[in-house]
């Protein structure tokens, strides 16, 4: 009769599973690094609220008023 404690998984399968786990860990590390990168990117402006963009223009092509400047002018 065969022993029930016999190892049923081959070394090749164990090696494949180990490599797969390592690749998944590397992939997760890269993903985490990409998430962290934009938060510490030096080229991005520090104050994005005052940044001018095309979306700040009105339909007539005139620049939209800055809400802070408009509020100060009204006061």
C-alpha atoms as a PDB file:
ATOM      1  CA  UNK A   1       0.000   0.000   0.000  1.00  0.00           C
ATOM      2  CA  UNK A   2       1.225   3.529  -0.832  1.00  0.00           C
ATOM      3  CA  UNK A   3       2.000   6.025   1.854  1.00  0.00           C
ATOM      4  CA  UNK A   4      -0.486   8.902   2.117  1.00  0.00           C
ATOM      5  CA  UNK A   5       2.384  11.248   3.073  1.00  0.00           C
ATOM      6  CA  UNK A   6       3.927  10.994  -0.390  1.00  0.00           C
ATOM      7  CA  UNK A   7       4.761  14.285  -2.067  1.00  0.00           C
ATOM      8  CA  UNK A   8       2.427  14.719  -5.048  1.00  0.00           C
ATOM      9  CA  UNK A   9       3.681  18.042  -6.416  1.00  0.00           C
ATOM     10  CA  UNK A  10       6.689  17.858  -8.728  1.00  0.00           C
ATOM     11  CA  UNK A  11       9.694  20.135  -8.433  1.00  0.00           C
ATOM     12  CA  UNK A  12       8.879  21.626 -11.847  1.00  0.00           C
ATOM     13  CA  UNK A  13       5.435  22.668 -10.650  1.00  0.00           C
ATOM     14  CA  UNK A  14       6.844  24.114  -7.425  1.00  0.00           C
ATOM     15  CA  UNK A  15       9.399  26.096  -9.475  1.00  0.00           C
ATOM     16  CA  UNK A  16       6.710  27.422 -11.819  1.00  0.00           C
ATOM     17  CA  UNK A  17       4.549  28.508  -8.889  1.00  0.00           C
ATOM     18  CA  UNK A  18       7.513  30.217  -7.182  1.00  0.00           C
ATOM     19  CA  UNK A  19       8.399  32.132 -10.379  1.00  0.00           C
ATOM     20  CA  UNK A  20       4.757  33.151 -10.785  1.00  0.00           C
ATOM     21  CA  UNK A  21       4.622  34.493  -7.219  1.00  0.00           C
ATOM     22  CA  UNK A  22       7.860  36.441  -7.807  1.00  0.00           C
ATOM     23  CA  UNK A  23       6.533  37.957 -11.035  1.00  0.00           C
ATOM     24  CA  UNK A  24       3.309  38.990  -9.307  1.00  0.00           C
ATOM     25  CA  UNK A  25       5.285  40.660  -6.513  1.00  0.00           C
ATOM     26  CA  UNK A  26       7.445  42.524  -9.054  1.00  0.00           C
ATOM     27  CA  UNK A  27       4.357  43.630 -10.968  1.00  0.00           C
ATOM     28  CA  UNK A  28       2.712  44.892  -7.767  1.00  0.00           C
ATOM     29  CA  UNK A  29       5.891  46.770  -6.828  1.00  0.00           C
ATOM     30  CA  UNK A  30       5.934  48.480 -10.236  1.00  0.00           C
ATOM     31  CA  UNK A  31       2.251  49.351  -9.885  1.00  0.00           C
ATOM     32  CA  UNK A  32       2.844  50.853  -6.431  1.00  0.00           C
ATOM     33  CA  UNK A  33       5.823  52.826  -7.772  1.00  0.00           C
ATOM     34  CA  UNK A  34       3.670  54.286 -10.553  1.00  0.00           C
ATOM     35  CA  UNK A  35       1.048  55.330  -7.998  1.00  0.00           C
ATOM     36  CA  UNK A  36       3.703  57.058  -5.867  1.00  0.00           C
ATOM     37  CA  UNK A  37       5.465  58.784  -8.797  1.00  0.00           C
ATOM     38  CA  UNK A  38       2.876  61.521  -9.617  1.00  0.00           C
ATOM     39  CA  UNK A  39       2.682  62.601  -5.969  1.00  0.00           C
ATOM     40  CA  UNK A  40       6.407  63.391  -5.923  1.00  0.00           C
ATOM     41  CA  UNK A  41       6.835  64.580  -9.535  1.00  0.00           C
ATOM     42  CA  UNK A  42       8.960  67.781  -9.520  1.00  0.00           C
ATOM     43  CA  UNK A  43       7.766  69.036 -12.943  1.00  0.00           C
ATOM     44  CA  UNK A  44       4.145  69.503 -11.901  1.00  0.00           C
ATOM     45  CA  UNK A  45       3.102  72.979 -10.726  1.00  0.00           C
ATOM     46  CA  UNK A  46       2.670  73.276  -6.987  1.00  0.00           C
ATOM     47  CA  UNK A  47      -0.505  75.359  -7.275  1.00  0.00           C
ATOM     48  CA  UNK A  48      -2.879  73.812  -9.781  1.00  0.00           C
ATOM     49  CA  UNK A  49      -5.790  76.051  -8.806  1.00  0.00           C
ATOM     50  CA  UNK A  50      -4.281  79.091 -10.511  1.00  0.00           C
ATOM     51  CA  UNK A  51      -3.050  77.224 -13.585  1.00  0.00           C
ATOM     52  CA  UNK A  52      -4.414  78.586 -16.860  1.00  0.00           C
ATOM     53  CA  UNK A  53      -5.855  76.155 -19.363  1.00  0.00           C
ATOM     54  CA  UNK A  54      -8.024  76.104 -22.443  1.00  0.00           C
ATOM     55  CA  UNK A  55     -10.963  74.964 -20.328  1.00  0.00           C
ATOM     56  CA  UNK A  56     -10.848  78.317 -18.492  1.00  0.00           C
ATOM     57  CA  UNK A  57     -11.881  80.147 -21.668  1.00  0.00           C
ATOM     58  CA  UNK A  58     -15.480  81.074 -22.439  1.00  0.00           C
ATOM     59  CA  UNK A  59     -17.304  80.256 -25.665  1.00  0.00           C
ATOM     60  CA  UNK A  60     -16.537  83.703 -27.116  1.00  0.00           C
ATOM     61  CA  UNK A  61     -12.810  83.067 -26.667  1.00  0.00           C
ATOM     62  CA  UNK A  62     -12.420  85.562 -23.835  1.00  0.00           C
ATOM     63  CA  UNK A  63     -10.497  84.474 -20.766  1.00  0.00           C
ATOM     64  CA  UNK A  64     -12.709  83.607 -17.829  1.00  0.00           C
ATOM     65  CA  UNK A  65     -12.391  85.752 -14.724  1.00  0.00           C
ATOM     66  CA  UNK A  66     -10.522  84.325 -11.798  1.00  0.00           C
ATOM     67  CA  UNK A  67     -13.125  83.802  -9.013  1.00  0.00           C
ATOM     68  CA  UNK A  68     -10.715  85.071  -6.349  1.00  0.00           C
ATOM     69  CA  UNK A  69      -9.987  88.284  -8.279  1.00  0.00           C
ATOM     70  CA  UNK A  70     -13.674  88.815  -8.960  1.00  0.00           C
ATOM     71  CA  UNK A  71     -14.541  88.342  -5.259  1.00  0.00           C
ATOM     72  CA  UNK A  72     -11.892  90.850  -4.222  1.00  0.00           C
ATOM     73  CA  UNK A  73     -13.161  93.380  -6.768  1.00  0.00           C
ATOM     74  CA  UNK A  74     -16.730  93.037  -5.445  1.00  0.00           C
ATOM     75  CA  UNK A  75     -15.678  93.631  -1.845  1.00  0.00           C
END
